[in-house]
C-alpha atoms as a PDB file:
ATOM      1  CA  MET A   1     131.654  66.074 113.565  1.00  0.00           C
ATOM      2  CA  LEU A   2     130.437  68.605 115.994  1.00  0.00           C
ATOM      3  CA  LYS A   3     128.381  67.276 118.720  1.00  0.00           C
ATOM      4  CA  GLY A   4     125.236  69.264 120.389  1.00  0.00           C
ATOM      5  CA  LEU A   5     124.996  69.438 124.195  1.00  0.00           C
ATOM      6  CA  PHE A   6     123.917  65.620 124.905  1.00  0.00           C
ATOM      7  CA  GLY A   7     126.217  64.000 121.948  1.00  0.00           C
ATOM      8  CA  GLY A   8     123.691  64.208 119.018  1.00  0.00           C
ATOM      9  CA  PRO A   9     125.024  66.493 116.083  1.00  0.00           C
ATOM     10  CA  LYS A  10     125.034  70.168 116.279  1.00  0.00           C
ATOM     11  CA  THR A  11     122.060  71.832 114.698  1.00  0.00           C
ATOM     12  CA  PHE A  12     122.195  75.171 113.366  1.00  0.00           C
ATOM     13  CA  LEU A  13     118.918  76.024 114.786  1.00  0.00           C
ATOM     14  CA  ALA A  14     117.234  74.645 117.589  1.00  0.00           C
ATOM     15  CA  GLN A  15     116.040  71.474 116.330  1.00  0.00           C
ATOM     16  CA  GLU A  16     112.243  71.886 116.385  1.00  0.00           C
ATOM     17  CA  ASP A  17     113.005  74.726 114.267  1.00  0.00           C
ATOM     18  CA  GLU A  18     114.582  72.937 111.979  1.00  0.00           C
ATOM     19  CA  ALA A  19     112.247  70.458 111.546  1.00  0.00           C
ATOM     20  CA  TRP A  20     109.625  73.091 110.852  1.00  0.00           C
ATOM     21  CA  HIS A  21     111.767  74.387 108.215  1.00  0.00           C
ATOM     22  CA  VAL A  22     112.259  71.183 106.618  1.00  0.00           C
ATOM     23  CA  SER A  23     108.648  70.204 106.988  1.00  0.00           C
ATOM     24  CA  VAL A  24     107.833  73.394 104.744  1.00  0.00           C
ATOM     25  CA  TRP A  25     109.918  72.489 102.307  1.00  0.00           C
ATOM     26  CA  ALA A  26     108.590  69.130 102.173  1.00  0.00           C
ATOM     27  CA  TRP A  27     105.088  70.547 101.921  1.00  0.00           C
ATOM     28  CA  LEU A  28     105.929  72.956  99.233  1.00  0.00           C
ATOM     29  CA  VAL A  29     107.782  70.151  97.072  1.00  0.00           C
ATOM     30  CA  GLU A  30     105.203  67.600  97.622  1.00  0.00           C
ATOM     31  CA  HIS A  31     102.163  69.994  96.242  1.00  0.00           C
ATOM     32  CA  LEU A  32     104.097  72.140  93.739  1.00  0.00           C
ATOM     33  CA  GLY A  33     105.414  69.261  91.321  1.00  0.00           C
ATOM     34  CA  GLY A  34     108.263  67.783  93.341  1.00  0.00           C
ATOM     35  CA  LEU A  35     112.052  68.986  93.507  1.00  0.00           C
ATOM     36  CA  LYS A  36     112.297  69.715  90.084  1.00  0.00           C
ATOM     37  CA  PRO A  37     110.770  73.312  89.896  1.00  0.00           C
ATOM     38  CA  VAL A  38     113.468  74.087  92.803  1.00  0.00           C
ATOM     39  CA  LEU A  39     116.493  72.742  90.733  1.00  0.00           C
ATOM     40  CA  GLU A  40     115.208  74.503  87.323  1.00  0.00           C
ATOM     41  CA  ALA A  41     114.840  77.759  89.314  1.00  0.00           C
ATOM     42  CA  SER A  42     116.866  80.698  88.938  1.00  0.00           C
ATOM     43  CA  LEU A  43     119.211  81.839  92.023  1.00  0.00           C
ATOM     44  CA  VAL A  44     118.122  85.266  91.452  1.00  0.00           C
ATOM     45  CA  THR A  45     120.636  88.331  92.746  1.00  0.00           C
ATOM     46  CA  PRO A  46     120.135  91.996  92.344  1.00  0.00           C
ATOM     47  CA  THR A  47     121.709  92.450  89.127  1.00  0.00           C
ATOM     48  CA  THR A  48     120.707  93.517  85.456  1.00  0.00           C
ATOM     49  CA  THR A  49     120.806  89.709  84.323  1.00  0.00           C
ATOM     50  CA  PHE A  50     117.610  89.664  86.060  1.00  0.00           C
ATOM     51  CA  PHE A  51     116.503  92.803  86.560  1.00  0.00           C
ATOM     52  CA  PRO A  52     117.184  94.861  83.166  1.00  0.00           C
ATOM     53  CA  SER A  53     115.875  98.445  83.094  1.00  0.00           C
ATOM     54  CA  THR A  54     114.136 100.008  80.203  1.00  0.00           C
ATOM     55  CA  GLY A  55     114.685 103.563  82.227  1.00  0.00           C
ATOM     56  CA  SER A  56     111.050 103.804  83.635  1.00  0.00           C
ATOM     57  CA  GLN A  57     110.571 105.545  86.392  1.00  0.00           C
ATOM     58  CA  GLY A  58     107.317 105.649  89.026  1.00  0.00           C
ATOM     59  CA  HIS A  59     104.436 102.847  89.155  1.00  0.00           C
ATOM     60  CA  ASP A  60     105.678 102.034  85.335  1.00  0.00           C
ATOM     61  CA  ARG A  61     108.760 100.679  86.734  1.00  0.00           C
ATOM     62  CA  ALA A  62     107.191  99.043  89.341  1.00  0.00           C
ATOM     63  CA  LEU A  63     105.043  97.124  87.059  1.00  0.00           C
ATOM     64  CA  GLU A  64     108.562  96.181  85.078  1.00  0.00           C
ATOM     65  CA  VAL A  65     109.616  94.765  88.098  1.00  0.00           C
ATOM     66  CA  PHE A  66     106.629  93.186  89.262  1.00  0.00           C
ATOM     67  CA  GLU A  67     106.642  91.038  85.630  1.00  0.00           C
ATOM     68  CA  GLN A  68     110.181  90.146  85.943  1.00  0.00           C
ATOM     69  CA  VAL A  69     109.794  88.768  89.428  1.00  0.00           C
ATOM     70  CA  LYS A  70     106.565  86.813  88.039  1.00  0.00           C
ATOM     71  CA  ALA A  71     108.569  85.468  85.360  1.00  0.00           C
ATOM     72  CA  LEU A  72     111.425  84.599  87.422  1.00  0.00           C
ATOM     73  CA  SER A  73     108.830  82.649  89.862  1.00  0.00           C
ATOM     74  CA  GLY A  74     107.260  80.958  86.924  1.00  0.00           C
ATOM     75  CA  LEU A  75     103.871  82.794  87.523  1.00  0.00           C
ATOM     76  CA  ASP A  76     104.231  84.959  84.316  1.00  0.00           C
ATOM     77  CA  HIS A  77     100.852  83.514  83.187  1.00  0.00           C
ATOM     78  CA  TRP A  78      99.041  83.730  86.473  1.00  0.00           C
ATOM     79  CA  PRO A  79      96.588  86.860  86.172  1.00  0.00           C
ATOM     80  CA  CYS A  80      97.341  89.433  88.886  1.00  0.00           C
ATOM     81  CA  GLU A  81      97.108  93.376  89.187  1.00  0.00           C
ATOM     82  CA  LEU A  82      99.838  95.302  90.842  1.00  0.00           C
ATOM     83  CA  VAL A  83      98.128  98.457  92.811  1.00  0.00           C
ATOM     84  CA  ALA A  84     100.407 101.253  94.593  1.00  0.00           C
ATOM     85  CA  GLN A  85      99.208 101.701  98.213  1.00  0.00           C
ATOM     86  CA  PRO A  86      98.995 105.464  99.453  1.00  0.00           C
ATOM     87  CA  GLU A  87     101.807 107.203 100.043  1.00  0.00           C
ATOM     88  CA  ARG A  88     103.382 106.839 103.772  1.00  0.00           C
ATOM     89  CA  PRO A  89     103.760 110.130 105.687  1.00  0.00           C
ATOM     90  CA  ASP A  90     107.544 110.666 106.465  1.00  0.00           C
ATOM     91  CA  PRO A  91     108.433 109.720 109.981  1.00  0.00           C
ATOM     92  CA  VAL A  92     108.760 112.790 112.455  1.00  0.00           C
ATOM     93  CA  VAL A  93     112.787 113.614 113.152  1.00  0.00           C
ATOM     94  CA  SER A  94     113.458 115.779 116.218  1.00  0.00           C
ATOM     95  CA  ARG A  95     116.514 118.077 116.263  1.00  0.00           C
ATOM     96  CA  PHE A  96     118.190 115.984 118.742  1.00  0.00           C
ATOM     97  CA  MET A  97     119.365 112.054 118.927  1.00  0.00           C
ATOM     98  CA  VAL A  98     116.461 109.628 117.986  1.00  0.00           C
ATOM     99  CA  LEU A  99     115.794 106.145 117.351  1.00  0.00           C
ATOM    100  CA  GLN A 100     113.300 105.506 114.722  1.00  0.00           C
ATOM    101  CA  ASN A 101     112.075 101.832 114.245  1.00  0.00           C
ATOM    102  CA  GLN A 102     109.704 101.175 111.141  1.00  0.00           C
ATOM    103  CA  GLU A 103     108.394  97.910 112.783  1.00  0.00           C
ATOM    104  CA  GLY A 104     104.300  98.125 113.010  1.00  0.00           C
ATOM    105  CA  ALA A 105     104.288 100.354 110.383  1.00  0.00           C
ATOM    106  CA  LEU A 106     102.216 100.220 107.472  1.00  0.00           C
ATOM    107  CA  PRO A 107     102.660  96.834 105.327  1.00  0.00           C
ATOM    108  CA  LEU A 108     105.584  96.591 102.591  1.00  0.00           C
ATOM    109  CA  GLY A 109     102.972  94.945 100.352  1.00  0.00           C
ATOM    110  CA  THR A 110      99.603  92.760 100.241  1.00  0.00           C
ATOM    111  CA  PHE A 111      98.020  90.219  98.623  1.00  0.00           C
ATOM    112  CA  GLY A 112      94.413  88.957  98.318  1.00  0.00           C
ATOM    113  CA  PRO A 113      91.151  88.909  96.162  1.00  0.00           C
ATOM    114  CA  ASP A 114      89.282  92.214  94.642  1.00  0.00           C
ATOM    115  CA  GLY A 115      86.280  90.899  93.159  1.00  0.00           C
ATOM    116  CA  ASN A 116      87.151  88.749  90.293  1.00  0.00           C
ATOM    117  CA  ALA A 117      90.897  90.217  90.373  1.00  0.00           C
ATOM    118  CA  VAL A 118      93.909  88.688  92.406  1.00  0.00           C
ATOM    119  CA  VAL A 119      95.600  91.812  93.662  1.00  0.00           C
ATOM    120  CA  VAL A 120      99.148  92.618  94.646  1.00  0.00           C
ATOM    121  CA  THR A 121      99.736  95.998  96.619  1.00  0.00           C
ATOM    122  CA  TYR A 122     103.265  97.742  97.383  1.00  0.00           C
ATOM    123  CA  ASP A 123     104.560 100.983  99.092  1.00  0.00           C
ATOM    124  CA  PRO A 124     105.631 103.388  96.582  1.00  0.00           C
ATOM    125  CA  GLY A 125     108.737 104.214  98.982  1.00  0.00           C
ATOM    126  CA  LEU A 126     109.883 101.009  97.644  1.00  0.00           C
ATOM    127  CA  LEU A 127     110.889 102.299  94.441  1.00  0.00           C
ATOM    128  CA  GLN A 128     113.837 103.658  95.978  1.00  0.00           C
ATOM    129  CA  ASP A 129     114.727 100.249  97.822  1.00  0.00           C
ATOM    130  CA  PRO A 130     115.138  98.167  94.959  1.00  0.00           C
ATOM    131  CA  LEU A 131     116.366  95.086  97.358  1.00  0.00           C
ATOM    132  CA  GLY A 132     112.903  95.964  99.439  1.00  0.00           C
ATOM    133  CA  LEU A 133     110.665  95.984  96.153  1.00  0.00           C
ATOM    134  CA  VAL A 134     111.822  92.835  95.309  1.00  0.00           C
ATOM    135  CA  ALA A 135     111.388  91.109  98.438  1.00  0.00           C
ATOM    136  CA  THR A 136     107.970  92.629  98.940  1.00  0.00           C
ATOM    137  CA  LEU A 137     106.749  91.431  95.596  1.00  0.00           C
ATOM    138  CA  ALA A 138     108.279  88.173  95.856  1.00  0.00           C
ATOM    139  CA  HIS A 139     106.748  87.495  99.089  1.00  0.00           C
ATOM    140  CA  GLU A 140     103.348  88.325  98.126  1.00  0.00           C
ATOM    141  CA  LEU A 141     103.794  86.746  95.016  1.00  0.00           C
ATOM    142  CA  ALA A 142     104.488  83.443  97.048  1.00  0.00           C
ATOM    143  CA  HIS A 143     101.108  84.244  98.746  1.00  0.00           C
ATOM    144  CA  TYR A 144      99.641  83.327  95.470  1.00  0.00           C
ATOM    145  CA  LEU A 145     101.581  80.323  94.636  1.00  0.00           C
ATOM    146  CA  LEU A 146     100.688  79.091  98.332  1.00  0.00           C
ATOM    147  CA  SER A 147      96.883  79.695  97.598  1.00  0.00           C
ATOM    148  CA  SER A 148      97.174  76.878  95.068  1.00  0.00           C
ATOM    149  CA  ILE A 149      97.988  74.567  97.765  1.00  0.00           C
ATOM    150  CA  PRO A 150      94.779  72.913  99.432  1.00  0.00           C
ATOM    151  CA  VAL A 151      95.947  72.234 102.758  1.00  0.00           C
ATOM    152  CA  PRO A 152      97.573  74.508 105.285  1.00  0.00           C
ATOM    153  CA  PRO A 153     101.228  74.814 105.789  1.00  0.00           C
ATOM    154  CA  PRO A 154     103.038  72.960 108.803  1.00  0.00           C
ATOM    155  CA  GLY A 155     101.749  74.425 112.030  1.00  0.00           C
ATOM    156  CA  GLY A 156      98.673  75.555 110.450  1.00  0.00           C
ATOM    157  CA  GLU A 157      97.292  78.768 109.240  1.00  0.00           C
ATOM    158  CA  GLU A 158      99.214  80.948 112.095  1.00  0.00           C
ATOM    159  CA  MET A 159     102.506  80.247 110.169  1.00  0.00           C
ATOM    160  CA  GLU A 160     101.391  80.922 106.987  1.00  0.00           C
ATOM    161  CA  GLU A 161     103.352  84.269 106.989  1.00  0.00           C
ATOM    162  CA  PHE A 162     106.514  82.340 107.894  1.00  0.00           C
ATOM    163  CA  ALA A 163     105.923  79.596 105.309  1.00  0.00           C
ATOM    164  CA  THR A 164     105.185  82.143 102.826  1.00  0.00           C
ATOM    165  CA  ASP A 165     108.883  83.428 103.335  1.00  0.00           C
ATOM    166  CA  VAL A 166     110.362  80.031 102.986  1.00  0.00           C
ATOM    167  CA  ALA A 167     108.571  79.744  99.658  1.00  0.00           C
ATOM    168  CA  VAL A 168     110.240  83.351  98.990  1.00  0.00           C
ATOM    169  CA  ALA A 169     113.541  81.012  99.360  1.00  0.00           C
ATOM    170  CA  TYR A 170     112.096  77.964  97.236  1.00  0.00           C
ATOM    171  CA  MET A 171     111.295  80.457  94.404  1.00  0.00           C
ATOM    172  CA  GLY A 172     115.057  81.554  94.297  1.00  0.00           C
ATOM    173  CA  PHE A 173     114.505  85.021  95.955  1.00  0.00           C
ATOM    174  CA  GLY A 174     115.996  83.903  99.232  1.00  0.00           C
ATOM    175  CA  VAL A 175     119.197  86.526  98.717  1.00  0.00           C
ATOM    176  CA  PHE A 176     116.528  89.429  98.588  1.00  0.00           C
ATOM    177  CA  GLY A 177     114.436  87.830 101.521  1.00  0.00           C
ATOM    178  CA  ALA A 178     117.888  87.545 103.842  1.00  0.00           C
ATOM    179  CA  ALA A 179     119.514  90.647 102.622  1.00  0.00           C
ATOM    180  CA  THR A 180     116.223  93.038 103.642  1.00  0.00           C
ATOM    181  CA  SER A 181     115.389  90.800 106.969  1.00  0.00           C
ATOM    182  CA  TRP A 182     117.165  93.548 108.990  1.00  0.00           C
ATOM    183  CA  ARG A 183     119.007  96.586 108.310  1.00  0.00           C
ATOM    184  CA  PHE A 184     120.720  99.204 110.535  1.00  0.00           C
ATOM    185  CA  LYS A 185     121.097 102.761 109.198  1.00  0.00           C
ATOM    186  CA  ALA A 186     122.541 105.918 110.323  1.00  0.00           C
ATOM    187  CA  HIS A 187     121.764 109.207 109.775  1.00  0.00           C
ATOM    188  CA  GLY A 188     122.707 112.770 110.808  1.00  0.00           C
ATOM    189  CA  ASP A 189     123.223 116.444 109.758  1.00  0.00           C
ATOM    190  CA  ALA A 190     124.536 119.477 111.738  1.00  0.00           C
ATOM    191  CA  PHE A 191     121.566 119.561 114.083  1.00  0.00           C
ATOM    192  CA  SER A 192     120.734 115.828 114.917  1.00  0.00           C
ATOM    193  CA  GLN A 193     121.844 112.030 114.488  1.00  0.00           C
ATOM    194  CA  GLY A 194     120.107 109.024 115.075  1.00  0.00           C
ATOM    195  CA  TRP A 195     119.704 105.644 113.619  1.00  0.00           C
ATOM    196  CA  GLN A 196     116.880 103.672 111.763  1.00  0.00           C
ATOM    197  CA  THR A 197     116.357 100.173 111.825  1.00  0.00           C
ATOM    198  CA  SER A 198     114.109  98.340 109.304  1.00  0.00           C
ATOM    199  CA  GLY A 199     113.192  94.663 108.517  1.00  0.00           C
ATOM    200  CA  ALA A 200     110.948  92.999 106.011  1.00  0.00           C
ATOM    201  CA  GLY A 201     109.465  89.420 106.268  1.00  0.00           C
ATOM    202  CA  TYR A 202     108.689  87.355 108.898  1.00  0.00           C
ATOM    203  CA  LEU A 203     111.721  85.070 109.619  1.00  0.00           C
ATOM    204  CA  ARG A 204     114.575  85.775 111.918  1.00  0.00           C
ATOM    205  CA  GLN A 205     118.010  86.897 109.796  1.00  0.00           C
ATOM    206  CA  ARG A 206     119.217  82.914 110.856  1.00  0.00           C
ATOM    207  CA  ASP A 207     115.808  81.511 109.769  1.00  0.00           C
ATOM    208  CA  TRP A 208     116.610  82.728 106.434  1.00  0.00           C
ATOM    209  CA  ALA A 209     119.950  81.696 106.302  1.00  0.00           C
ATOM    210  CA  PHE A 210     119.073  78.295 106.747  1.00  0.00           C
ATOM    211  CA  ALA A 211     116.026  78.640 104.556  1.00  0.00           C
ATOM    212  CA  LEU A 212     118.706  79.943 101.893  1.00  0.00           C
ATOM    213  CA  ALA A 213     121.157  77.523 102.796  1.00  0.00           C
ATOM    214  CA  THR A 214     118.346  74.861 102.226  1.00  0.00           C
ATOM    215  CA  PHE A 215     117.713  75.858  98.527  1.00  0.00           C
ATOM    216  CA  LEU A 216     121.505  76.045  97.982  1.00  0.00           C
ATOM    217  CA  ALA A 217     121.853  72.291  99.353  1.00  0.00           C
ATOM    218  CA  LEU A 218     118.971  70.678  97.523  1.00  0.00           C
ATOM    219  CA  ARG A 219     120.648  72.028  94.525  1.00  0.00           C
ATOM    220  CA  GLY A 220     124.319  70.960  95.430  1.00  0.00           C
ATOM    221  CA  GLU A 221     125.761  74.544  95.467  1.00  0.00           C
ATOM    222  CA  ASP A 222     127.729  76.643  97.429  1.00  0.00           C
ATOM    223  CA  ALA A 223     127.513  79.869  99.782  1.00  0.00           C
ATOM    224  CA  LYS A 224     129.874  81.672  97.674  1.00  0.00           C
ATOM    225  CA  LEU A 225     127.055  81.970  95.271  1.00  0.00           C
ATOM    226  CA  VAL A 226     125.176  84.091  97.694  1.00  0.00           C
ATOM    227  CA  LYS A 227     127.827  85.522  99.953  1.00  0.00           C
ATOM    228  CA  PRO A 228     128.376  88.617  97.324  1.00  0.00           C
ATOM    229  CA  TRP A 229     124.827  89.766  97.998  1.00  0.00           C
ATOM    230  CA  LEU A 230     124.606  89.594 101.694  1.00  0.00           C
ATOM    231  CA  GLU A 231     126.498  91.669 104.703  1.00  0.00           C
ATOM    232  CA  PRO A 232     129.527  89.492 105.487  1.00  0.00           C
ATOM    233  CA  ALA A 233     127.875  88.307 109.017  1.00  0.00           C
ATOM    234  CA  LEU A 234     124.974  87.000 107.310  1.00  0.00           C
ATOM    235  CA  GLY A 235     126.971  85.509 104.264  1.00  0.00           C
ATOM    236  CA  GLU A 236     128.962  83.533 106.769  1.00  0.00           C
ATOM    237  CA  GLU A 237     125.634  82.702 108.953  1.00  0.00           C
ATOM    238  CA  VAL A 238     124.593  81.034 105.262  1.00  0.00           C
ATOM    239  CA  GLU A 239     127.806  79.345 104.861  1.00  0.00           C
ATOM    240  CA  LYS A 240     127.458  77.667 108.659  1.00  0.00           C
ATOM    241  CA  ALA A 241     123.747  76.592 108.012  1.00  0.00           C
ATOM    242  CA  LEU A 242     125.282  74.992 104.746  1.00  0.00           C
ATOM    243  CA  ARG A 243     127.886  73.490 106.532  1.00  0.00           C
ATOM    244  CA  SER A 244     125.788  72.204 109.381  1.00  0.00           C
ATOM    245  CA  ILE A 245     123.040  70.613 106.777  1.00  0.00           C
ATOM    246  CA  THR A 246     125.884  69.137 104.453  1.00  0.00           C
ATOM    247  CA  ARG A 247     127.086  67.430 107.889  1.00  0.00           C
ATOM    248  CA  ARG A 248     123.828  65.896 108.146  1.00  0.00           C
ATOM    249  CA  PRO A 249     122.233  64.858 104.676  1.00  0.00           C
ATOM    250  CA  GLU A 250     119.395  62.676 106.575  1.00  0.00           C
ATOM    251  CA  LEU A 251     118.069  65.740 107.641  1.00  0.00           C
ATOM    252  CA  LEU A 252     116.329  66.594 104.125  1.00  0.00           C
ATOM    253  CA  ASP A 253     115.179  62.923 103.903  1.00  0.00           C
ATOM    254  CA  PRO A 254     111.456  64.257 104.019  1.00  0.00           C
ATOM    255  CA  VAL A 255     112.120  66.714 101.438  1.00  0.00           C
ATOM    256  CA  ARG A 256     113.341  63.933  99.058  1.00  0.00           C
ATOM    257  CA  GLU A 257     110.383  61.442 100.335  1.00  0.00           C
ATOM    258  CA  ALA A 258     108.115  64.412  99.337  1.00  0.00           C
ATOM    259  CA  ASP A 259     109.708  64.769  95.780  1.00  0.00           C
ATOM    260  CA  ALA A 260     109.120  60.773  95.341  1.00  0.00           C
ATOM    261  CA  ARG A 261     105.499  61.237  96.451  1.00  0.00           C
ATOM    262  CA  ALA A 262     104.859  64.318  93.813  1.00  0.00           C
ATOM    263  CA  LEU A 263     106.800  61.691  91.406  1.00  0.00           C
ATOM    264  CA  ALA A 264     104.004  59.013  92.329  1.00  0.00           C
ATOM    265  CA  ILE A 265     101.125  61.451  92.045  1.00  0.00           C
ATOM    266  CA  ALA A 266     102.170  62.646  88.642  1.00  0.00           C
ATOM    267  CA  GLU A 267     102.853  58.998  87.290  1.00  0.00           C
ATOM    268  CA  ALA A 268      99.537  57.976  88.530  1.00  0.00           C
END
């Protein structure tokens, strides 16, 4: 067994970060019906198996994907309206070398009440980015799911967005969250060249790798199921995270204990 600096088992993330991740999984499992939803969830991948197209375009296509994400999340009967945000202005690109960073731009999506309705909004530009569209809709629907839990997540309300990302993995959409957490794209023509970086969600890539690995570990599944859909380096990170977790089965004991509590409450 690999050892850490002071002789203990080597961790994938910092020890306190792993402890937070595990506590969020335990919080989800305890309040959302035990481990059964995790074990029965689909490991959703960007394929026509999960997202068949009817040839619809524009907002109709967004509505179609939204309903597919809702159904795969087990939220198909939860009332919710999808609304397109205003179009984003195109970024200004000079004729010279530039660096464009989209961080801090308008949100890709939002979730919240609007009168008596629950509304999710999305950036229409995501229609050209199917991975980003699914990741965004899954994140906003995860907010909806977490709104049913009466107590704040581990770390308090300031950690809500991060816990929502973990919930995306819990719902089976970790491949999308991980794949869109950081992307780098070069662009250029006869007059200019540059690079564009973008990231969605709140967790860092290594945190996404750990969240996705936790989902796999709880289900007894292999990293090879997700690696075809991730950049090679990120796929390797998921594999490393899964190995780290399986070397320390006691790490997920709080999740299993939360499952026992959820079952006891259900049987009471």
